Every structure is written in C-alpha cells, then in structure tokens.
C-alpha cells in the first residue's frame, strides 16, 4: 500500500489512477468507472477513496442517490469533478433498474467533453445498460469477500494498451451467470477502511435520497413524466433531439410534447 493525500492505496491501482487522471485533465474527454459487488463489501468506501484521489474538492455534495438529482449534478459539474451515483439499495426492482439505466444513457450524452470523473456504485455491472458496459465504461472494480467480515478486496478490469477490452469481454462472457471468472482481471488488489466523508451524515443523506426516490413514485411513473425538466434543458442545448430521443428512453410523441410545452412557456 502507498500513501497519497493521507490515504493508503494499492500501489498498482494508484499507478493506473494517475494515468487516467492525467489523460482526462489533458484531453477533451471524461472517465467513466463502475464499482460493483454485493452489499457490505465496501463499494462506497472504495468509491469515496477514488473521489478523494481524483478531486481535491470531493465531498458529500458530489454523491447522489436519485437519478434526477444525479443528472442535475452532472449538468452543473466543472472540469475535474468526481461525481458518484450510489445505488444505495434502490435497485431491488426491475422498474427501478430501468429508471437507472435511462439515467445512465442520458448521463453518457451529457458528459461528453466535460472532463469529469464519473463513478457508478451498483450491485453488478451485468444489471447496467448494455451500451455502458460494452462501449463507455473505462474501468471496473469488482469488490468481493467470502463473508461480511472479509472486506477490502477488489479485481480490476479495463483495456490496457495492446490488450483486449476486458470489461467488454467480461460482460459478454459472464452476463448469463453473473460470472467474473473470464477473462482474468487485469490485476487484483486491496483497499483500506477510510470512508473519507462523514459516515453518519452520508447515511442520513442516503436514507433521505432513497425515501425521496421511492415516495415520488418515480420508479412507477410513465416514461413521459420522467426527467421532464432535464429533458427540456437537453433539448435547448441540442443534446436531446428528435433523432436520438428514443435512444434516451423517450418516445417521439413525448419529445414533441416537451417541445410544445417549451414553446408555450416562452
């Protein structure tokens, strides 16, 4: 383990993170990572440590539990920000998963060249939108352990120079049985217990976020009612158009309804 900014990191992980950080800040791109594993294995702990590494101003305000607020956070994010979406147990139903996947698709269109570090904490990458796994995720850390007391272990998957895309290969080979055995991970490592942000306040905000998400009925609402305000903003900036609206999870009628509402508002 190597100490960096008062936190101990796996040395090989730290070397790779440094390369990714340099690439994002020096080029017109963003970095998308996924941390997955069953509950209690330390996904959020590891994500916070990555946030601490990438972003000198990382804090609780950059962690989101609701899809709508996550998209709003992306919209106002500045160069070099680390933005975390923490599934926080809301993915226990198919409808919730569909909601999150629509958010993922929209998020990928929003970040483009904003030079951000985006992290999704989820139970399994196999539950996420296929396009994210196959063509957009740059780095996957799978946390694991034999029991709840066995924490702090991870495997890393990414596309190294001159190598296959191991995230893509893993998704295609492993999705049927949720298997992480093939291909072999790029490397194995460990991480410490440092939570970075105030854990008590994190738990409070997480519960508020989950309650808000569920109480608003967002996971049960019709597609036409979701993300209306954000969609309008994306229409104004040409991120959401008639040509790509269905890829964003919106039928063409919804797109035209939103356009009409915007015209009436003007």
C-alpha atoms as a PDB file:
ATOM      1  CA  UNK A   1       0.000   0.000   0.000  1.00  0.00           C
ATOM      2  CA  UNK A   2       1.168   3.515  -0.828  1.00  0.00           C
ATOM      3  CA  UNK A   3       0.144   6.693   0.990  1.00  0.00           C
ATOM      4  CA  UNK A   4      -1.296   9.500  -1.134  1.00  0.00           C
ATOM      5  CA  UNK A   5      -3.043  12.568   0.292  1.00  0.00           C
ATOM      6  CA  UNK A   6      -3.253  10.889   3.743  1.00  0.00           C
ATOM      7  CA  UNK A   7      -4.963   7.733   2.383  1.00  0.00           C
ATOM      8  CA  UNK A   8      -3.355   4.363   1.655  1.00  0.00           C
ATOM      9  CA  UNK A   9      -3.931   2.932  -1.833  1.00  0.00           C
ATOM     10  CA  UNK A  10      -2.953  -0.256  -3.592  1.00  0.00           C
ATOM     11  CA  UNK A  11       0.230   0.673  -5.468  1.00  0.00           C
ATOM     12  CA  UNK A  12      -0.792  -0.783  -8.820  1.00  0.00           C
ATOM     13  CA  UNK A  13      -4.224   0.819  -8.534  1.00  0.00           C
ATOM     14  CA  UNK A  14      -2.612   4.169  -7.727  1.00  0.00           C
ATOM     15  CA  UNK A  15      -0.338   3.939 -10.773  1.00  0.00           C
ATOM     16  CA  UNK A  16      -3.316   3.319 -13.055  1.00  0.00           C
ATOM     17  CA  UNK A  17      -5.444   6.040 -11.473  1.00  0.00           C
ATOM     18  CA  UNK A  18      -2.650   8.521 -12.058  1.00  0.00           C
ATOM     19  CA  UNK A  19      -2.579   7.670 -15.742  1.00  0.00           C
ATOM     20  CA  UNK A  20      -6.343   8.033 -16.066  1.00  0.00           C
ATOM     21  CA  UNK A  21      -6.326  11.370 -14.242  1.00  0.00           C
ATOM     22  CA  UNK A  22      -3.625  12.788 -16.461  1.00  0.00           C
ATOM     23  CA  UNK A  23      -5.460  11.663 -19.612  1.00  0.00           C
ATOM     24  CA  UNK A  24      -8.761  13.282 -18.583  1.00  0.00           C
ATOM     25  CA  UNK A  25      -7.297  16.607 -17.487  1.00  0.00           C
ATOM     26  CA  UNK A  26      -5.093  16.924 -20.570  1.00  0.00           C
ATOM     27  CA  UNK A  27      -7.611  15.751 -23.157  1.00  0.00           C
ATOM     28  CA  UNK A  28     -11.179  16.583 -24.111  1.00  0.00           C
ATOM     29  CA  UNK A  29     -12.791  13.527 -22.517  1.00  0.00           C
ATOM     30  CA  UNK A  30     -14.370  12.119 -19.354  1.00  0.00           C
ATOM     31  CA  UNK A  31     -13.617   8.970 -17.364  1.00  0.00           C
ATOM     32  CA  UNK A  32     -16.392   6.504 -16.517  1.00  0.00           C
ATOM     33  CA  UNK A  33     -15.878   3.860 -13.864  1.00  0.00           C
ATOM     34  CA  UNK A  34     -18.085   1.227 -12.269  1.00  0.00           C
ATOM     35  CA  UNK A  35     -17.643  -0.279  -8.815  1.00  0.00           C
ATOM     36  CA  UNK A  36     -19.780  -3.344  -8.205  1.00  0.00           C
ATOM     37  CA  UNK A  37     -20.183  -6.167  -5.709  1.00  0.00           C
ATOM     38  CA  UNK A  38     -22.737  -7.349  -3.202  1.00  0.00           C
ATOM     39  CA  UNK A  39     -23.852  -5.163  -0.326  1.00  0.00           C
ATOM     40  CA  UNK A  40     -21.475  -4.828   2.590  1.00  0.00           C
ATOM     41  CA  UNK A  41     -18.298  -5.373   0.585  1.00  0.00           C
ATOM     42  CA  UNK A  42     -17.168  -1.730   0.674  1.00  0.00           C
ATOM     43  CA  UNK A  43     -18.225  -0.302  -2.706  1.00  0.00           C
ATOM     44  CA  UNK A  44     -18.930   3.162  -1.323  1.00  0.00           C
ATOM     45  CA  UNK A  45     -15.769   3.159   0.792  1.00  0.00           C
ATOM     46  CA  UNK A  46     -13.657   2.449  -2.284  1.00  0.00           C
ATOM     47  CA  UNK A  47     -15.597   4.956  -4.395  1.00  0.00           C
ATOM     48  CA  UNK A  48     -15.003   7.693  -1.829  1.00  0.00           C
ATOM     49  CA  UNK A  49     -11.301   6.908  -1.817  1.00  0.00           C
ATOM     50  CA  UNK A  50     -11.233   7.265  -5.605  1.00  0.00           C
ATOM     51  CA  UNK A  51     -13.106  10.557  -5.294  1.00  0.00           C
ATOM     52  CA  UNK A  52     -10.503  11.736  -2.802  1.00  0.00           C
ATOM     53  CA  UNK A  53      -7.749  10.850  -5.275  1.00  0.00           C
ATOM     54  CA  UNK A  54      -9.245  12.422  -8.387  1.00  0.00           C
ATOM     55  CA  UNK A  55     -10.903  15.511  -6.923  1.00  0.00           C
ATOM     56  CA  UNK A  56      -9.287  17.814  -4.361  1.00  0.00           C
ATOM     57  CA  UNK A  57     -12.738  19.208  -3.551  1.00  0.00           C
ATOM     58  CA  UNK A  58     -14.570  15.892  -3.271  1.00  0.00           C
ATOM     59  CA  UNK A  59     -17.327  15.958  -0.632  1.00  0.00           C
ATOM     60  CA  UNK A  60     -20.814  14.672   0.218  1.00  0.00           C
ATOM     61  CA  UNK A  61     -22.393  17.180  -2.168  1.00  0.00           C
ATOM     62  CA  UNK A  62     -20.935  15.171  -5.070  1.00  0.00           C
ATOM     63  CA  UNK A  63     -22.681  11.924  -4.074  1.00  0.00           C
ATOM     64  CA  UNK A  64     -26.160  11.249  -5.464  1.00  0.00           C
ATOM     65  CA  UNK A  65     -28.778   8.584  -4.772  1.00  0.00           C
ATOM     66  CA  UNK A  66     -31.586   9.774  -7.053  1.00  0.00           C
ATOM     67  CA  UNK A  67     -31.293   9.572 -10.854  1.00  0.00           C
ATOM     68  CA  UNK A  68     -32.855  13.001 -11.390  1.00  0.00           C
ATOM     69  CA  UNK A  69     -30.520  14.745  -8.953  1.00  0.00           C
ATOM     70  CA  UNK A  70     -27.521  12.890 -10.360  1.00  0.00           C
ATOM     71  CA  UNK A  71     -28.271  14.296 -13.820  1.00  0.00           C
ATOM     72  CA  UNK A  72     -28.674  17.762 -12.341  1.00  0.00           C
ATOM     73  CA  UNK A  73     -25.295  17.328 -10.643  1.00  0.00           C
ATOM     74  CA  UNK A  74     -23.688  16.372 -13.954  1.00  0.00           C
ATOM     75  CA  UNK A  75     -25.158  19.420 -15.615  1.00  0.00           C
ATOM     76  CA  UNK A  76     -23.524  21.830 -13.153  1.00  0.00           C
ATOM     77  CA  UNK A  77     -20.284  19.857 -12.693  1.00  0.00           C
ATOM     78  CA  UNK A  78     -16.981  21.537 -13.518  1.00  0.00           C
ATOM     79  CA  UNK A  79     -13.759  20.239 -15.011  1.00  0.00           C
ATOM     80  CA  UNK A  80     -12.059  17.717 -12.748  1.00  0.00           C
ATOM     81  CA  UNK A  81     -15.105  16.971 -10.580  1.00  0.00           C
ATOM     82  CA  UNK A  82     -15.668  13.420  -9.324  1.00  0.00           C
ATOM     83  CA  UNK A  83     -19.407  12.644  -9.377  1.00  0.00           C
ATOM     84  CA  UNK A  84     -20.701   9.486  -7.680  1.00  0.00           C
ATOM     85  CA  UNK A  85     -24.035   7.752  -8.165  1.00  0.00           C
ATOM     86  CA  UNK A  86     -24.615   5.302  -5.313  1.00  0.00           C
ATOM     87  CA  UNK A  87     -27.433   2.822  -5.966  1.00  0.00           C
ATOM     88  CA  UNK A  88     -27.994   2.516  -2.194  1.00  0.00           C
ATOM     89  CA  UNK A  89     -30.411  -0.418  -2.406  1.00  0.00           C
ATOM     90  CA  UNK A  90     -32.901   1.281  -4.759  1.00  0.00           C
ATOM     91  CA  UNK A  91     -32.251  -1.307  -7.451  1.00  0.00           C
ATOM     92  CA  UNK A  92     -34.332  -4.007  -5.816  1.00  0.00           C
ATOM     93  CA  UNK A  93     -36.966  -3.926  -8.562  1.00  0.00           C
ATOM     94  CA  UNK A  94     -36.912  -4.093 -12.328  1.00  0.00           C
ATOM     95  CA  UNK A  95     -38.706  -0.778 -12.615  1.00  0.00           C
ATOM     96  CA  UNK A  96     -36.029   0.919 -10.508  1.00  0.00           C
ATOM     97  CA  UNK A  97     -33.320  -0.661 -12.646  1.00  0.00           C
ATOM     98  CA  UNK A  98     -34.993   0.612 -15.804  1.00  0.00           C
ATOM     99  CA  UNK A  99     -35.075   4.093 -14.289  1.00  0.00           C
ATOM    100  CA  UNK A 100     -31.376   3.994 -13.505  1.00  0.00           C
ATOM    101  CA  UNK A 101     -30.473   2.663 -16.937  1.00  0.00           C
ATOM    102  CA  UNK A 102     -32.342   5.502 -18.623  1.00  0.00           C
ATOM    103  CA  UNK A 103     -30.361   7.846 -16.401  1.00  0.00           C
ATOM    104  CA  UNK A 104     -27.114   6.157 -17.479  1.00  0.00           C
ATOM    105  CA  UNK A 105     -27.918   6.652 -21.169  1.00  0.00           C
ATOM    106  CA  UNK A 106     -28.729  10.315 -20.636  1.00  0.00           C
ATOM    107  CA  UNK A 107     -25.642  10.834 -18.489  1.00  0.00           C
ATOM    108  CA  UNK A 108     -23.348   9.477 -21.196  1.00  0.00           C
ATOM    109  CA  UNK A 109     -24.708  12.082 -23.617  1.00  0.00           C
ATOM    110  CA  UNK A 110     -24.343  14.888 -21.092  1.00  0.00           C
ATOM    111  CA  UNK A 111     -20.722  14.395 -20.049  1.00  0.00           C
ATOM    112  CA  UNK A 112     -19.075  14.153 -23.470  1.00  0.00           C
ATOM    113  CA  UNK A 113     -16.104  16.502 -23.276  1.00  0.00           C
ATOM    114  CA  UNK A 114     -16.678  17.935 -19.772  1.00  0.00           C
ATOM    115  CA  UNK A 115     -13.512  16.307 -18.377  1.00  0.00           C
ATOM    116  CA  UNK A 116     -15.260  14.671 -15.436  1.00  0.00           C
ATOM    117  CA  UNK A 117     -14.699  11.533 -13.379  1.00  0.00           C
ATOM    118  CA  UNK A 118     -17.989   9.629 -13.186  1.00  0.00           C
ATOM    119  CA  UNK A 119     -18.496   6.640 -10.895  1.00  0.00           C
ATOM    120  CA  UNK A 120     -21.452   4.271 -10.611  1.00  0.00           C
ATOM    121  CA  UNK A 121     -21.727   2.090  -7.494  1.00  0.00           C
ATOM    122  CA  UNK A 122     -24.068  -0.803  -8.316  1.00  0.00           C
ATOM    123  CA  UNK A 123     -24.670  -4.407  -7.302  1.00  0.00           C
ATOM    124  CA  UNK A 124     -23.476  -5.762 -10.644  1.00  0.00           C
ATOM    125  CA  UNK A 125     -22.287  -4.359 -13.947  1.00  0.00           C
ATOM    126  CA  UNK A 126     -24.417  -7.042 -15.587  1.00  0.00           C
ATOM    127  CA  UNK A 127     -27.534  -5.117 -14.498  1.00  0.00           C
ATOM    128  CA  UNK A 128     -26.439  -1.922 -16.211  1.00  0.00           C
ATOM    129  CA  UNK A 129     -27.261  -0.699 -19.686  1.00  0.00           C
ATOM    130  CA  UNK A 130     -25.515  -2.837 -22.294  1.00  0.00           C
ATOM    131  CA  UNK A 131     -24.025   0.161 -24.099  1.00  0.00           C
ATOM    132  CA  UNK A 132     -22.330   1.401 -20.938  1.00  0.00           C
ATOM    133  CA  UNK A 133     -20.623  -1.939 -20.370  1.00  0.00           C
ATOM    134  CA  UNK A 134     -19.704  -2.563 -23.983  1.00  0.00           C
ATOM    135  CA  UNK A 135     -18.579   0.836 -25.179  1.00  0.00           C
ATOM    136  CA  UNK A 136     -18.469   3.512 -22.466  1.00  0.00           C
ATOM    137  CA  UNK A 137     -17.143   2.124 -19.167  1.00  0.00           C
ATOM    138  CA  UNK A 138     -13.397   2.727 -18.875  1.00  0.00           C
ATOM    139  CA  UNK A 139     -12.702   0.976 -15.577  1.00  0.00           C
ATOM    140  CA  UNK A 140     -14.434  -1.684 -13.479  1.00  0.00           C
ATOM    141  CA  UNK A 141     -13.579  -2.555  -9.891  1.00  0.00           C
ATOM    142  CA  UNK A 142     -15.370  -5.626  -8.545  1.00  0.00           C
ATOM    143  CA  UNK A 143     -15.257  -5.819  -4.741  1.00  0.00           C
ATOM    144  CA  UNK A 144     -15.647  -9.213  -3.140  1.00  0.00           C
ATOM    145  CA  UNK A 145     -15.249 -11.291   0.003  1.00  0.00           C
ATOM    146  CA  UNK A 146     -16.161 -14.700   1.377  1.00  0.00           C
ATOM    147  CA  UNK A 147     -18.294 -13.159   4.140  1.00  0.00           C
ATOM    148  CA  UNK A 148     -19.260  -9.769   5.601  1.00  0.00           C
ATOM    149  CA  UNK A 149     -16.103  -9.755   7.672  1.00  0.00           C
ATOM    150  CA  UNK A 150     -13.939 -10.313   4.621  1.00  0.00           C
ATOM    151  CA  UNK A 151     -13.809  -6.852   3.058  1.00  0.00           C
ATOM    152  CA  UNK A 152     -11.262  -4.748   1.254  1.00  0.00           C
ATOM    153  CA  UNK A 153     -10.574  -6.888  -1.820  1.00  0.00           C
ATOM    154  CA  UNK A 154     -11.106  -5.995  -5.470  1.00  0.00           C
ATOM    155  CA  UNK A 155     -10.372  -7.113  -9.008  1.00  0.00           C
ATOM    156  CA  UNK A 156      -9.795  -4.556 -11.769  1.00  0.00           C
ATOM    157  CA  UNK A 157     -10.918  -4.804 -15.375  1.00  0.00           C
ATOM    158  CA  UNK A 158     -10.065  -2.334 -18.145  1.00  0.00           C
ATOM    159  CA  UNK A 159      -8.497  -2.113 -21.574  1.00  0.00           C
ATOM    160  CA  UNK A 160      -4.757  -1.829 -21.249  1.00  0.00           C
ATOM    161  CA  UNK A 161      -2.624  -0.731 -24.180  1.00  0.00           C
ATOM    162  CA  UNK A 162      -2.224  -3.593 -26.648  1.00  0.00           C
ATOM    163  CA  UNK A 163      -4.699  -5.783 -24.748  1.00  0.00           C
ATOM    164  CA  UNK A 164      -8.321  -6.819 -25.200  1.00  0.00           C
ATOM    165  CA  UNK A 165     -11.161  -4.783 -23.713  1.00  0.00           C
ATOM    166  CA  UNK A 166     -11.607  -6.867 -20.572  1.00  0.00           C
ATOM    167  CA  UNK A 167     -14.816  -5.102 -19.457  1.00  0.00           C
ATOM    168  CA  UNK A 168     -16.488  -5.853 -22.772  1.00  0.00           C
ATOM    169  CA  UNK A 169     -15.230  -9.436 -22.759  1.00  0.00           C
ATOM    170  CA  UNK A 170     -16.386  -9.931 -19.151  1.00  0.00           C
ATOM    171  CA  UNK A 171     -19.871  -8.625 -19.938  1.00  0.00           C
ATOM    172  CA  UNK A 172     -20.303 -10.847 -22.997  1.00  0.00           C
ATOM    173  CA  UNK A 173     -18.930 -13.973 -21.324  1.00  0.00           C
ATOM    174  CA  UNK A 174     -20.275 -13.537 -17.825  1.00  0.00           C
ATOM    175  CA  UNK A 175     -23.704 -11.921 -18.075  1.00  0.00           C
ATOM    176  CA  UNK A 176     -25.718 -15.151 -18.317  1.00  0.00           C
ATOM    177  CA  UNK A 177     -24.496 -16.460 -14.946  1.00  0.00           C
ATOM    178  CA  UNK A 178     -23.159 -13.227 -13.414  1.00  0.00           C
ATOM    179  CA  UNK A 179     -19.674 -14.692 -13.532  1.00  0.00           C
ATOM    180  CA  UNK A 180     -16.467 -12.688 -13.113  1.00  0.00           C
ATOM    181  CA  UNK A 181     -14.118 -15.584 -13.898  1.00  0.00           C
ATOM    182  CA  UNK A 182     -13.441 -14.872 -17.593  1.00  0.00           C
ATOM    183  CA  UNK A 183     -11.397 -13.104 -18.722  1.00  0.00           C
ATOM    184  CA  UNK A 184      -8.851 -12.894 -15.954  1.00  0.00           C
ATOM    185  CA  UNK A 185      -8.789  -9.490 -14.275  1.00  0.00           C
ATOM    186  CA  UNK A 186      -6.031  -7.050 -15.181  1.00  0.00           C
ATOM    187  CA  UNK A 187      -4.943  -7.134 -11.553  1.00  0.00           C
ATOM    188  CA  UNK A 188      -6.096  -7.903  -8.010  1.00  0.00           C
ATOM    189  CA  UNK A 189      -5.754  -5.530  -5.088  1.00  0.00           C
ATOM    190  CA  UNK A 190      -6.954  -4.370  -1.698  1.00  0.00           C
ATOM    191  CA  UNK A 191      -8.202  -1.156  -0.116  1.00  0.00           C
ATOM    192  CA  UNK A 192      -8.451   0.264   3.390  1.00  0.00           C
ATOM    193  CA  UNK A 193     -11.347   1.238   5.663  1.00  0.00           C
ATOM    194  CA  UNK A 194     -11.033   5.041   5.397  1.00  0.00           C
ATOM    195  CA  UNK A 195     -14.509   6.336   4.458  1.00  0.00           C
ATOM    196  CA  UNK A 196     -13.292   9.861   3.545  1.00  0.00           C
ATOM    197  CA  UNK A 197     -16.608  11.705   4.115  1.00  0.00           C
ATOM    198  CA  UNK A 198     -18.610  11.863   7.355  1.00  0.00           C
ATOM    199  CA  UNK A 199     -20.190   8.410   7.539  1.00  0.00           C
ATOM    200  CA  UNK A 200     -23.077   9.411   9.786  1.00  0.00           C
ATOM    201  CA  UNK A 201     -24.070  12.293   7.515  1.00  0.00           C
ATOM    202  CA  UNK A 202     -23.633  10.033   4.493  1.00  0.00           C
ATOM    203  CA  UNK A 203     -26.093   7.500   5.943  1.00  0.00           C
ATOM    204  CA  UNK A 204     -28.593  10.233   6.755  1.00  0.00           C
ATOM    205  CA  UNK A 205     -28.473  11.700   3.260  1.00  0.00           C
ATOM    206  CA  UNK A 206     -28.602   8.273   1.685  1.00  0.00           C
ATOM    207  CA  UNK A 207     -31.792   7.413   3.537  1.00  0.00           C
ATOM    208  CA  UNK A 208     -33.326  10.748   2.579  1.00  0.00           C
ATOM    209  CA  UNK A 209     -32.416  10.152  -1.050  1.00  0.00           C
ATOM    210  CA  UNK A 210     -33.871   6.653  -1.129  1.00  0.00           C
ATOM    211  CA  UNK A 211     -37.064   7.766   0.623  1.00  0.00           C
ATOM    212  CA  UNK A 212     -37.459  10.683  -1.768  1.00  0.00           C
ATOM    213  CA  UNK A 213     -36.908   8.487  -4.803  1.00  0.00           C
ATOM    214  CA  UNK A 214     -39.499   5.965  -3.668  1.00  0.00           C
ATOM    215  CA  UNK A 215     -42.082   8.396  -2.277  1.00  0.00           C
ATOM    216  CA  UNK A 216     -42.253  10.388  -5.504  1.00  0.00           C
ATOM    217  CA  UNK A 217     -43.256   7.251  -7.357  1.00  0.00           C
ATOM    218  CA  UNK A 218     -40.553   7.853  -9.955  1.00  0.00           C
ATOM    219  CA  UNK A 219     -39.979   4.158 -10.479  1.00  0.00           C
ATOM    220  CA  UNK A 220     -43.659   3.594 -11.227  1.00  0.00           C
ATOM    221  CA  UNK A 221     -44.429   6.690 -13.305  1.00  0.00           C
ATOM    222  CA  UNK A 222     -44.976   6.692 -17.040  1.00  0.00           C
ATOM    223  CA  UNK A 223     -41.959   7.345 -19.218  1.00  0.00           C
ATOM    224  CA  UNK A 224     -43.427  10.614 -20.491  1.00  0.00           C
ATOM    225  CA  UNK A 225     -43.397  12.064 -16.946  1.00  0.00           C
ATOM    226  CA  UNK A 226     -39.758  11.354 -16.131  1.00  0.00           C
ATOM    227  CA  UNK A 227     -36.952  13.834 -16.305  1.00  0.00           C
ATOM    228  CA  UNK A 228     -39.148  16.472 -17.967  1.00  0.00           C
ATOM    229  CA  UNK A 229     -37.198  19.440 -16.714  1.00  0.00           C
ATOM    230  CA  UNK A 230     -33.828  17.900 -17.525  1.00  0.00           C
ATOM    231  CA  UNK A 231     -35.043  16.808 -20.945  1.00  0.00           C
ATOM    232  CA  UNK A 232     -36.129  20.374 -21.704  1.00  0.00           C
ATOM    233  CA  UNK A 233     -32.683  21.656 -20.815  1.00  0.00           C
ATOM    234  CA  UNK A 234     -31.106  18.997 -23.024  1.00  0.00           C
ATOM    235  CA  UNK A 235     -33.415  19.972 -25.895  1.00  0.00           C
ATOM    236  CA  UNK A 236     -32.349  23.598 -25.538  1.00  0.00           C
ATOM    237  CA  UNK A 237     -28.687  22.614 -25.830  1.00  0.00           C
ATOM    238  CA  UNK A 238     -29.359  20.111 -28.646  1.00  0.00           C
ATOM    239  CA  UNK A 239     -28.215  17.135 -26.554  1.00  0.00           C
ATOM    240  CA  UNK A 240     -31.697  15.689 -26.924  1.00  0.00           C
ATOM    241  CA  UNK A 241     -33.127  15.776 -30.436  1.00  0.00           C
ATOM    242  CA  UNK A 242     -35.877  14.124 -32.431  1.00  0.00           C
ATOM    243  CA  UNK A 243     -33.235  11.871 -33.961  1.00  0.00           C
ATOM    244  CA  UNK A 244     -31.851  10.484 -30.688  1.00  0.00           C
ATOM    245  CA  UNK A 245     -34.823  10.779 -28.311  1.00  0.00           C
ATOM    246  CA  UNK A 246     -35.732   7.091 -28.495  1.00  0.00           C
ATOM    247  CA  UNK A 247     -32.159   6.146 -27.601  1.00  0.00           C
ATOM    248  CA  UNK A 248     -32.647   8.292 -24.493  1.00  0.00           C
ATOM    249  CA  UNK A 249     -35.723   6.288 -23.475  1.00  0.00           C
ATOM    250  CA  UNK A 250     -38.300   8.807 -24.715  1.00  0.00           C
ATOM    251  CA  UNK A 251     -40.827   8.105 -27.441  1.00  0.00           C
ATOM    252  CA  UNK A 252     -41.107  10.693 -30.226  1.00  0.00           C
ATOM    253  CA  UNK A 253     -44.537  11.817 -29.009  1.00  0.00           C
ATOM    254  CA  UNK A 254     -43.017  12.706 -25.633  1.00  0.00           C
ATOM    255  CA  UNK A 255     -40.289  14.679 -27.352  1.00  0.00           C
ATOM    256  CA  UNK A 256     -42.850  16.690 -29.328  1.00  0.00           C
ATOM    257  CA  UNK A 257     -44.953  17.224 -26.173  1.00  0.00           C
ATOM    258  CA  UNK A 258     -41.921  18.655 -24.413  1.00  0.00           C
ATOM    259  CA  UNK A 259     -41.166  20.914 -27.370  1.00  0.00           C
ATOM    260  CA  UNK A 260     -44.741  22.176 -27.306  1.00  0.00           C
ATOM    261  CA  UNK A 261     -44.567  22.863 -23.564  1.00  0.00           C
ATOM    262  CA  UNK A 262     -41.355  24.808 -24.064  1.00  0.00           C
ATOM    263  CA  UNK A 263     -42.924  26.906 -26.802  1.00  0.00           C
ATOM    264  CA  UNK A 264     -45.925  27.647 -24.575  1.00  0.00           C
ATOM    265  CA  UNK A 265     -43.625  28.628 -21.721  1.00  0.00           C
ATOM    266  CA  UNK A 266     -41.808  31.071 -23.991  1.00  0.00           C
END
